[in-house]
Amino acid sequence: MPYFKWIGVDRIGITKKGKHAAHSPQELSELLFKRNIALLRCKPIYTAPILWPIDAKIKGNLFAQKAKLLRAGVLLPTALEIVAQQSCNPFLYDALYEVNRDIQHGIPFGKALEKHRILCDRTVTIMLTAGHESGNIINAVENAALYFHKQYTFNKNMRSVLALPLLTLLFFIGVSAFLFIFIIPRFADMFASLHQELPSLTRSMIMVSNFVRSSSMLCLLFGIAICSFILYRYFATSGKKKWSTIIDHVPGIGLAIWQHHMRQALQALALLVSSGVPLVKGLAIVGQSIDHYAVHDQLSLLHDDVASGQLLSSAMASSDVFLPEVVALIHVGEESGTLGQSLECAALIYNDALEERLKRFIFFLQPTVIILLGLLVTTLIFAVYLPIMQLSHVL
């Protein structure tokens, strides 16, 4: 999809500038004319995919706009075209027009979206397919928007919670590097001119400073980067199950990750059930879309139990991994016919438990980093002043 930098003029003669995606300069001129801007000149410019990320917020807003247009009586192909024209993202623009073209050729909305993973995942695709087959496509699109908005809200909350400890850790690393690179060498030169035997603590600090400032430190960092990349590639491909097993056995972290994936699974299952997808099929879809092996195996067991005729609440109660309040909620939902709402409430329980666990973790992490920074500064002060104190005693 070409991306153009353009210059135009509006009705009262004011020059306008901007950037927009379009298939051709002629299409760009038509798009700008609808905004009462006459195109004067334009030129295509290169744009990289990394500069135009399509995150959960953009996806949520995209499906929310489509839902509003559909509620207003606009046909789906026209709604896709309107949303595409309002977007300046060239990759989103291109994907929406391709989906529009496929729909006009008779391909269902969900099937057309399967070709563009940047727009939605498999859960949303099945949700939209079920909505299309049941004639309730508007509710399905609204559920997709809700699904992405909740993803964005959760990710935003996690970033805000982890931001302060991360900044504190980076500050600790920066202060440490500054002390060892600039401060310690100055005192080392001063102590060397005294021709006096230095305390072991001072010698250790000087040795660490010399190592940090040497080429060996660069080689070490390069080696760590290479090893980290190799391990990342291994654990991201063939070693993914081993990595999941290792993380699951880390105290605190393993349980937090399990709660995160279980929250995602229950939320996706709630939206699928609310969109008209049968429970057995929904469990199979969510189980295939979850990357966490423990949660995947648990959902597979639930799928087999429910497929054999058990109630979902009974299958959960027999597994001994679900919270009692979650099992009770699911049982009430099955009895009252509001299973989708009960699954959503169960996802909120795991979400609250995860946030509480992260808050406790950060409560201990941030003071720990500050204490370590204080200990480092105190150690450096002792390392600097011990030789000076020895020299004063000699004199």
Protein backbone atom coordinates (compact mmCIF):
# COMPACT_ATOMS: atom_id res chain seq x y z
CA MET A 1 0.00 0.00 0.00
CA PRO A 2 1.57 3.35 -1.07
CA TYR A 3 1.84 6.06 1.54
CA PHE A 4 1.77 9.66 0.29
CA LYS A 5 2.99 12.97 1.64
CA TRP A 6 0.67 15.61 0.26
CA ILE A 7 0.11 19.36 0.07
CA GLY A 8 -3.31 20.82 -0.65
CA VAL A 9 -5.50 23.85 -0.18
CA ASP A 10 -8.93 24.17 1.43
CA ARG A 11 -11.92 26.24 0.36
CA ILE A 12 -10.67 29.47 1.89
CA GLY A 13 -7.19 29.12 0.44
CA ILE A 14 -5.30 27.86 3.51
CA THR A 15 -2.49 25.46 2.69
CA LYS A 16 -2.83 22.03 4.24
CA LYS A 17 -0.16 19.34 4.62
CA GLY A 18 -0.31 15.77 5.74
CA LYS A 19 0.32 12.09 5.09
CA HIS A 20 -2.22 9.50 4.03
CA ALA A 21 -2.44 6.00 2.59
CA ALA A 22 -4.04 5.51 -0.83
CA HIS A 23 -3.74 3.15 -3.75
CA SER A 24 -2.98 5.98 -6.19
CA PRO A 25 -2.70 9.78 -6.36
CA GLN A 26 -6.15 9.84 -7.96
CA GLU A 27 -7.66 8.01 -4.98
CA LEU A 28 -5.78 10.33 -2.61
CA SER A 29 -7.25 13.33 -4.44
CA GLU A 30 -10.76 11.91 -4.06
CA LEU A 31 -10.26 11.23 -0.36
CA LEU A 32 -9.00 14.75 0.27
CA PHE A 33 -11.80 16.26 -1.83
CA LYS A 34 -14.33 14.66 0.53
CA ARG A 35 -12.61 16.62 3.30
CA ASN A 36 -12.95 19.86 1.24
CA ILE A 37 -9.24 19.88 0.36
CA ALA A 38 -7.93 20.19 -3.19
CA LEU A 39 -4.73 18.22 -3.78
CA LEU A 40 -1.87 20.31 -5.19
CA ARG A 41 0.95 17.77 -5.21
CA CYS A 42 1.97 14.54 -3.52
CA LYS A 43 4.82 12.07 -3.49
CA PRO A 44 5.02 8.48 -2.25
CA ILE A 45 7.21 7.89 0.78
CA TYR A 46 8.53 4.69 2.34
CA THR A 47 7.01 3.46 5.56
CA ALA A 48 8.11 0.46 7.60
CA PRO A 49 5.63 -1.85 9.38
CA ILE A 50 7.39 -1.27 12.69
CA LEU A 51 6.45 2.42 12.48
CA TRP A 52 2.74 1.56 12.20
CA PRO A 53 1.93 -0.96 14.94
CA ILE A 54 -1.66 -2.12 15.16
CA ASP A 55 -2.20 -2.67 18.88
CA ALA A 56 -5.27 -3.73 20.84
CA LYS A 57 -6.45 -0.12 21.21
CA ILE A 58 -6.49 0.44 17.44
CA LYS A 59 -8.27 -2.88 16.89
CA GLY A 60 -10.84 -2.08 19.55
CA ASN A 61 -11.56 1.34 18.06
CA LEU A 62 -11.74 -0.21 14.60
CA PHE A 63 -14.41 -2.75 15.54
CA ALA A 64 -16.25 -0.16 17.66
CA GLN A 65 -16.49 2.17 14.64
CA LYS A 66 -17.77 -0.66 12.47
CA ALA A 67 -20.36 -1.60 15.08
CA LYS A 68 -21.67 1.98 15.23
CA LEU A 69 -21.95 2.17 11.45
CA LEU A 70 -23.74 -1.17 11.29
CA ARG A 71 -26.13 -0.04 14.04
CA ALA A 72 -26.88 3.04 11.93
CA GLY A 73 -27.93 0.82 9.01
CA VAL A 74 -24.74 1.09 6.92
CA LEU A 75 -23.92 -2.06 4.98
CA LEU A 76 -20.78 -3.96 6.05
CA PRO A 77 -18.71 -3.30 2.86
CA THR A 78 -19.54 0.40 3.05
CA ALA A 79 -18.68 0.48 6.76
CA LEU A 80 -15.29 -1.10 6.04
CA GLU A 81 -14.61 1.47 3.30
CA ILE A 82 -15.55 4.38 5.59
CA VAL A 83 -13.34 3.11 8.42
CA ALA A 84 -10.45 2.55 6.01
CA GLN A 85 -10.70 6.08 4.64
CA GLN A 86 -10.57 7.51 8.17
CA SER A 87 -7.34 5.63 8.93
CA CYS A 88 -3.91 7.03 8.13
CA ASN A 89 -2.23 3.67 8.80
CA PRO A 90 -1.23 2.30 5.36
CA PHE A 91 -1.20 -1.34 6.48
CA LEU A 92 -4.57 -1.09 8.21
CA TYR A 93 -5.94 0.77 5.17
CA ASP A 94 -4.76 -1.96 2.81
CA ALA A 95 -6.06 -4.81 4.97
CA LEU A 96 -9.52 -3.25 5.32
CA TYR A 97 -9.83 -2.73 1.57
CA GLU A 98 -8.85 -6.34 0.92
CA VAL A 99 -11.43 -7.53 3.43
CA ASN A 100 -13.99 -5.28 1.74
CA ARG A 101 -13.15 -6.75 -1.66
CA ASP A 102 -13.44 -10.32 -0.35
CA ILE A 103 -16.85 -9.60 1.22
CA GLN A 104 -18.11 -8.16 -2.07
CA HIS A 105 -17.06 -11.44 -3.72
CA GLY A 106 -19.26 -13.40 -1.30
CA ILE A 107 -16.72 -14.41 1.34
CA PRO A 108 -18.07 -14.22 4.93
CA PHE A 109 -16.68 -11.49 7.17
CA GLY A 110 -14.92 -13.90 9.53
CA LYS A 111 -13.33 -15.88 6.70
CA ALA A 112 -12.12 -12.68 5.05
CA LEU A 113 -10.45 -11.59 8.29
CA GLU A 114 -8.55 -14.91 8.57
CA LYS A 115 -6.15 -13.67 5.88
CA HIS A 116 -5.16 -10.66 7.99
CA ARG A 117 -3.84 -11.66 11.40
CA ILE A 118 -2.88 -8.05 12.06
CA LEU A 119 -6.59 -7.26 12.47
CA CYS A 120 -7.70 -10.05 14.81
CA ASP A 121 -6.81 -13.42 16.27
CA ARG A 122 -8.52 -16.77 15.82
CA THR A 123 -10.90 -16.23 18.73
CA VAL A 124 -12.31 -13.06 17.19
CA THR A 125 -12.52 -14.73 13.78
CA ILE A 126 -14.64 -17.57 15.15
CA MET A 127 -16.73 -15.05 17.09
CA LEU A 128 -17.48 -13.07 13.94
CA THR A 129 -18.16 -16.23 11.93
CA ALA A 130 -20.68 -17.37 14.53
CA GLY A 131 -22.31 -13.93 14.52
CA HIS A 132 -22.54 -14.00 10.72
CA GLU A 133 -24.08 -17.47 10.67
CA SER A 134 -26.62 -16.62 13.38
CA GLY A 135 -27.55 -13.29 11.79
CA ASN A 136 -26.25 -11.34 14.78
CA ILE A 137 -23.14 -9.83 13.22
CA ILE A 138 -23.56 -6.46 14.98
CA ASN A 139 -23.37 -8.00 18.46
CA ALA A 140 -20.41 -10.08 17.33
CA VAL A 141 -18.55 -6.97 16.14
CA GLU A 142 -19.37 -5.21 19.43
CA ASN A 143 -18.04 -8.22 21.36
CA ALA A 144 -14.85 -8.11 19.29
CA ALA A 145 -14.42 -4.42 20.14
CA LEU A 146 -15.00 -5.22 23.84
CA TYR A 147 -12.47 -8.07 23.62
CA PHE A 148 -9.71 -5.80 22.28
CA HIS A 149 -10.56 -2.90 24.59
CA LYS A 150 -10.21 -5.17 27.61
CA GLN A 151 -6.90 -6.42 26.28
CA TYR A 152 -5.67 -2.85 25.91
CA THR A 153 -6.92 -1.87 29.37
CA PHE A 154 -5.15 -4.81 30.97
CA ASN A 155 -1.89 -4.13 29.11
CA LYS A 156 -2.08 -0.44 30.02
CA ASN A 157 -2.60 -1.25 33.69
CA MET A 158 0.34 -3.65 33.67
CA ARG A 159 2.60 -1.05 32.05
CA SER A 160 1.61 1.58 34.59
CA VAL A 161 2.19 -0.83 37.48
CA LEU A 162 5.61 -1.95 36.24
CA ALA A 163 6.81 1.46 35.04
CA LEU A 164 8.06 2.80 38.39
CA PRO A 165 10.06 -0.31 39.41
CA LEU A 166 11.59 -0.49 35.94
CA LEU A 167 12.62 3.16 36.05
CA THR A 168 14.09 2.62 39.52
CA LEU A 169 16.09 -0.35 38.25
CA LEU A 170 17.35 1.62 35.24
CA PHE A 171 18.33 4.46 37.58
CA PHE A 172 20.25 1.99 39.72
CA ILE A 173 22.13 0.65 36.68
CA GLY A 174 22.86 4.17 35.42
CA VAL A 175 24.16 5.41 38.78
CA SER A 176 26.31 2.30 39.19
CA ALA A 177 27.81 2.68 35.72
CA PHE A 178 28.52 6.39 36.32
CA LEU A 179 30.29 5.67 39.62
CA PHE A 180 32.45 2.89 38.24
CA ILE A 181 33.31 4.67 34.97
CA PHE A 182 33.90 8.26 36.13
CA ILE A 183 34.18 8.52 39.93
CA ILE A 184 36.26 5.51 41.00
CA PRO A 185 39.05 6.10 38.40
CA ARG A 186 39.65 9.62 39.77
CA PHE A 187 40.17 8.32 43.27
CA ALA A 188 42.26 5.44 41.93
CA ASP A 189 44.70 7.91 40.35
CA MET A 190 44.87 9.87 43.60
CA PHE A 191 45.53 6.73 45.68
CA ALA A 192 48.20 5.54 43.24
CA SER A 193 50.13 8.76 43.79
CA LEU A 194 50.26 8.07 47.54
CA HIS A 195 52.29 4.84 47.05
CA GLN A 196 50.46 3.26 49.96
CA GLU A 197 48.94 -0.21 50.26
CA LEU A 198 45.18 0.07 49.83
CA PRO A 199 42.51 -1.80 51.81
CA SER A 200 41.03 -4.89 50.16
CA LEU A 201 37.65 -3.19 49.73
CA THR A 202 39.23 -0.29 47.86
CA ARG A 203 41.27 -2.63 45.67
CA SER A 204 38.14 -4.60 44.84
CA MET A 205 36.26 -1.47 43.80
CA ILE A 206 39.16 -0.35 41.62
CA MET A 207 39.34 -3.79 39.98
CA VAL A 208 35.63 -3.68 39.21
CA SER A 209 36.01 -0.16 37.80
CA ASN A 210 38.92 -1.22 35.59
CA PHE A 211 36.92 -4.18 34.29
CA VAL A 212 33.85 -2.03 33.54
CA ARG A 213 36.01 0.45 31.59
CA SER A 214 37.94 -2.22 29.67
CA SER A 215 37.16 -3.95 26.39
CA SER A 216 36.45 -7.14 28.33
CA MET A 217 33.21 -5.57 29.54
CA LEU A 218 32.12 -5.00 25.94
CA CYS A 219 33.00 -8.58 25.07
CA LEU A 220 31.00 -9.79 28.08
CA LEU A 221 27.96 -7.69 27.11
CA PHE A 222 28.23 -8.90 23.51
CA GLY A 223 28.45 -12.50 24.69
CA ILE A 224 25.44 -12.06 26.95
CA ALA A 225 23.48 -10.53 24.05
CA ILE A 226 24.37 -13.44 21.74
CA CYS A 227 23.50 -16.06 24.36
CA SER A 228 20.24 -14.27 25.17
CA PHE A 229 19.28 -14.20 21.49
CA ILE A 230 20.08 -17.90 21.04
CA LEU A 231 18.10 -18.83 24.16
CA TYR A 232 15.22 -16.61 23.04
CA ARG A 233 15.07 -18.26 19.63
CA TYR A 234 15.25 -21.72 21.20
CA PHE A 235 12.58 -21.10 23.82
CA ALA A 236 10.38 -19.33 21.26
CA THR A 237 10.40 -22.36 18.92
CA SER A 238 11.32 -25.93 19.87
CA GLY A 239 11.97 -25.16 23.54
CA LYS A 240 8.72 -23.32 24.22
CA LYS A 241 7.33 -26.13 26.37
CA LYS A 242 10.53 -26.32 28.43
CA TRP A 243 10.45 -22.58 29.02
CA SER A 244 6.82 -22.78 30.11
CA THR A 245 7.70 -25.57 32.53
CA ILE A 246 10.63 -23.61 33.96
CA ILE A 247 8.56 -20.46 34.47
CA ASP A 248 5.73 -22.43 36.06
CA HIS A 249 8.10 -23.63 38.79
CA VAL A 250 9.39 -20.15 39.66
CA PRO A 251 7.76 -19.14 42.98
CA GLY A 252 5.23 -16.35 42.52
CA ILE A 253 5.92 -15.71 38.84
CA GLY A 254 4.58 -19.05 37.64
CA LEU A 255 1.26 -18.56 39.42
CA ALA A 256 0.96 -14.97 38.12
CA ILE A 257 1.49 -16.11 34.52
CA TRP A 258 -1.04 -18.92 34.99
CA GLN A 259 -3.60 -16.44 36.31
CA HIS A 260 -2.94 -14.10 33.37
CA HIS A 261 -3.54 -16.80 30.74
CA MET A 262 -6.54 -18.19 32.59
CA ARG A 263 -8.03 -14.69 32.69
CA GLN A 264 -7.55 -14.39 28.92
CA ALA A 265 -9.04 -17.85 28.34
CA LEU A 266 -12.17 -17.22 30.42
CA GLN A 267 -12.68 -13.79 28.88
CA ALA A 268 -12.40 -15.17 25.34
CA LEU A 269 -14.70 -18.08 26.22
CA ALA A 270 -17.25 -15.65 27.69
CA LEU A 271 -17.36 -13.63 24.47
CA LEU A 272 -17.59 -16.75 22.31
CA VAL A 273 -20.51 -18.11 24.36
CA SER A 274 -22.21 -14.69 24.28
CA SER A 275 -21.80 -14.63 20.49
CA GLY A 276 -23.64 -17.94 20.11
CA VAL A 277 -20.72 -20.37 19.88
CA PRO A 278 -21.47 -23.72 21.60
CA LEU A 279 -19.55 -24.26 24.83
CA VAL A 280 -17.73 -27.39 23.61
CA LYS A 281 -16.56 -25.65 20.44
CA GLY A 282 -15.61 -22.54 22.42
CA LEU A 283 -13.42 -24.57 24.78
CA ALA A 284 -11.68 -26.16 21.80
CA ILE A 285 -11.08 -22.78 20.12
CA VAL A 286 -9.78 -21.07 23.26
CA GLY A 287 -7.58 -24.06 24.10
CA GLN A 288 -5.92 -23.91 20.69
CA SER A 289 -5.34 -20.15 20.90
CA ILE A 290 -3.66 -20.19 24.36
CA ASP A 291 0.14 -20.44 24.30
CA HIS A 292 0.54 -21.46 27.95
CA TYR A 293 0.86 -25.26 28.07
CA ALA A 294 -0.59 -25.74 31.56
CA VAL A 295 -3.69 -23.68 30.72
CA HIS A 296 -3.94 -25.40 27.33
CA ASP A 297 -3.90 -28.84 28.96
CA GLN A 298 -6.47 -27.74 31.55
CA LEU A 299 -8.82 -26.43 28.87
CA SER A 300 -8.39 -29.66 26.91
CA LEU A 301 -9.48 -31.64 29.99
CA LEU A 302 -12.48 -29.35 30.45
CA HIS A 303 -13.37 -29.78 26.78
CA ASP A 304 -13.29 -33.57 27.04
CA ASP A 305 -15.37 -33.57 30.24
CA VAL A 306 -18.00 -31.19 28.84
CA ALA A 307 -18.11 -33.09 25.54
CA SER A 308 -18.82 -36.29 27.52
CA GLY A 309 -21.87 -34.68 29.10
CA GLN A 310 -20.61 -33.07 32.30
CA LEU A 311 -21.47 -29.54 33.34
CA LEU A 312 -18.64 -27.04 33.10
CA SER A 313 -18.86 -26.28 36.82
CA SER A 314 -18.59 -29.99 37.68
CA ALA A 315 -15.56 -30.38 35.41
CA MET A 316 -13.91 -27.36 37.04
CA ALA A 317 -14.65 -28.63 40.55
CA SER A 318 -13.03 -31.99 39.81
CA SER A 319 -9.78 -30.44 38.55
CA ASP A 320 -8.79 -28.83 41.91
CA VAL A 321 -7.09 -25.87 40.21
CA PHE A 322 -9.97 -23.41 39.96
CA LEU A 323 -10.95 -21.10 42.79
CA PRO A 324 -14.12 -22.13 44.67
CA GLU A 325 -15.77 -18.78 43.92
CA VAL A 326 -15.12 -19.30 40.21
CA VAL A 327 -16.76 -22.74 40.28
CA ALA A 328 -19.73 -21.27 42.17
CA LEU A 329 -20.12 -18.48 39.60
CA ILE A 330 -20.08 -20.91 36.68
CA HIS A 331 -22.66 -23.13 38.43
CA VAL A 332 -24.98 -20.15 38.95
CA GLY A 333 -24.55 -19.14 35.31
CA GLU A 334 -25.45 -22.64 34.11
CA GLU A 335 -28.53 -22.73 36.32
CA SER A 336 -29.75 -19.25 35.30
CA GLY A 337 -28.77 -19.41 31.61
CA THR A 338 -26.25 -16.58 31.92
CA LEU A 339 -23.05 -18.57 31.42
CA GLY A 340 -21.42 -15.84 29.34
CA GLN A 341 -21.80 -13.26 32.12
CA SER A 342 -20.58 -15.76 34.72
CA LEU A 343 -17.47 -16.53 32.69
CA GLU A 344 -16.81 -12.80 32.41
CA CYS A 345 -17.11 -12.41 36.19
CA ALA A 346 -14.76 -15.38 36.66
CA ALA A 347 -12.22 -13.69 34.39
CA LEU A 348 -12.46 -10.56 36.56
CA ILE A 349 -11.70 -12.65 39.66
CA TYR A 350 -8.46 -13.86 38.12
CA ASN A 351 -7.72 -10.36 36.89
CA ASP A 352 -8.09 -8.92 40.39
CA ALA A 353 -5.99 -11.71 41.89
CA LEU A 354 -3.25 -11.08 39.31
CA GLU A 355 -3.20 -7.33 39.93
CA GLU A 356 -3.04 -7.89 43.68
CA ARG A 357 -0.12 -10.30 43.26
CA LEU A 358 1.73 -7.83 41.03
CA LYS A 359 1.18 -5.02 43.53
CA ARG A 360 2.69 -7.12 46.31
CA PHE A 361 5.63 -8.04 44.09
CA ILE A 362 6.30 -4.40 43.21
CA PHE A 363 5.83 -3.39 46.86
CA PHE A 364 8.89 -5.49 47.70
CA LEU A 365 10.81 -4.95 44.46
CA GLN A 366 11.11 -1.17 44.52
CA PRO A 367 12.41 -0.87 48.11
CA THR A 368 14.84 -3.72 47.37
CA VAL A 369 16.32 -1.82 44.42
CA ILE A 370 16.60 1.37 46.49
CA ILE A 371 18.29 -0.54 49.34
CA LEU A 372 20.76 -2.10 46.89
CA LEU A 373 21.55 1.34 45.50
CA GLY A 374 22.12 2.66 49.02
CA LEU A 375 24.40 -0.27 49.86
CA LEU A 376 26.41 0.33 46.70
CA VAL A 377 26.89 4.01 47.47
CA THR A 378 27.78 3.20 51.09
CA THR A 379 30.32 0.61 49.97
CA LEU A 380 31.91 3.11 47.58
CA ILE A 381 32.11 5.72 50.35
CA PHE A 382 33.90 3.27 52.62
CA ALA A 383 36.18 2.21 49.76
CA VAL A 384 37.16 5.85 49.16
CA TYR A 385 37.54 6.97 52.76
CA LEU A 386 39.36 3.96 54.19
CA PRO A 387 42.67 4.86 52.47
CA ILE A 388 42.24 8.50 53.51
CA MET A 389 41.66 7.46 57.12
CA GLN A 390 44.73 5.20 57.03
CA LEU A 391 46.80 8.05 55.64
CA SER A 392 45.62 10.38 58.44
CA HIS A 393 46.70 7.82 61.06
CA VAL A 394 50.14 7.52 59.44
CA LEU A 395 50.60 11.25 59.47
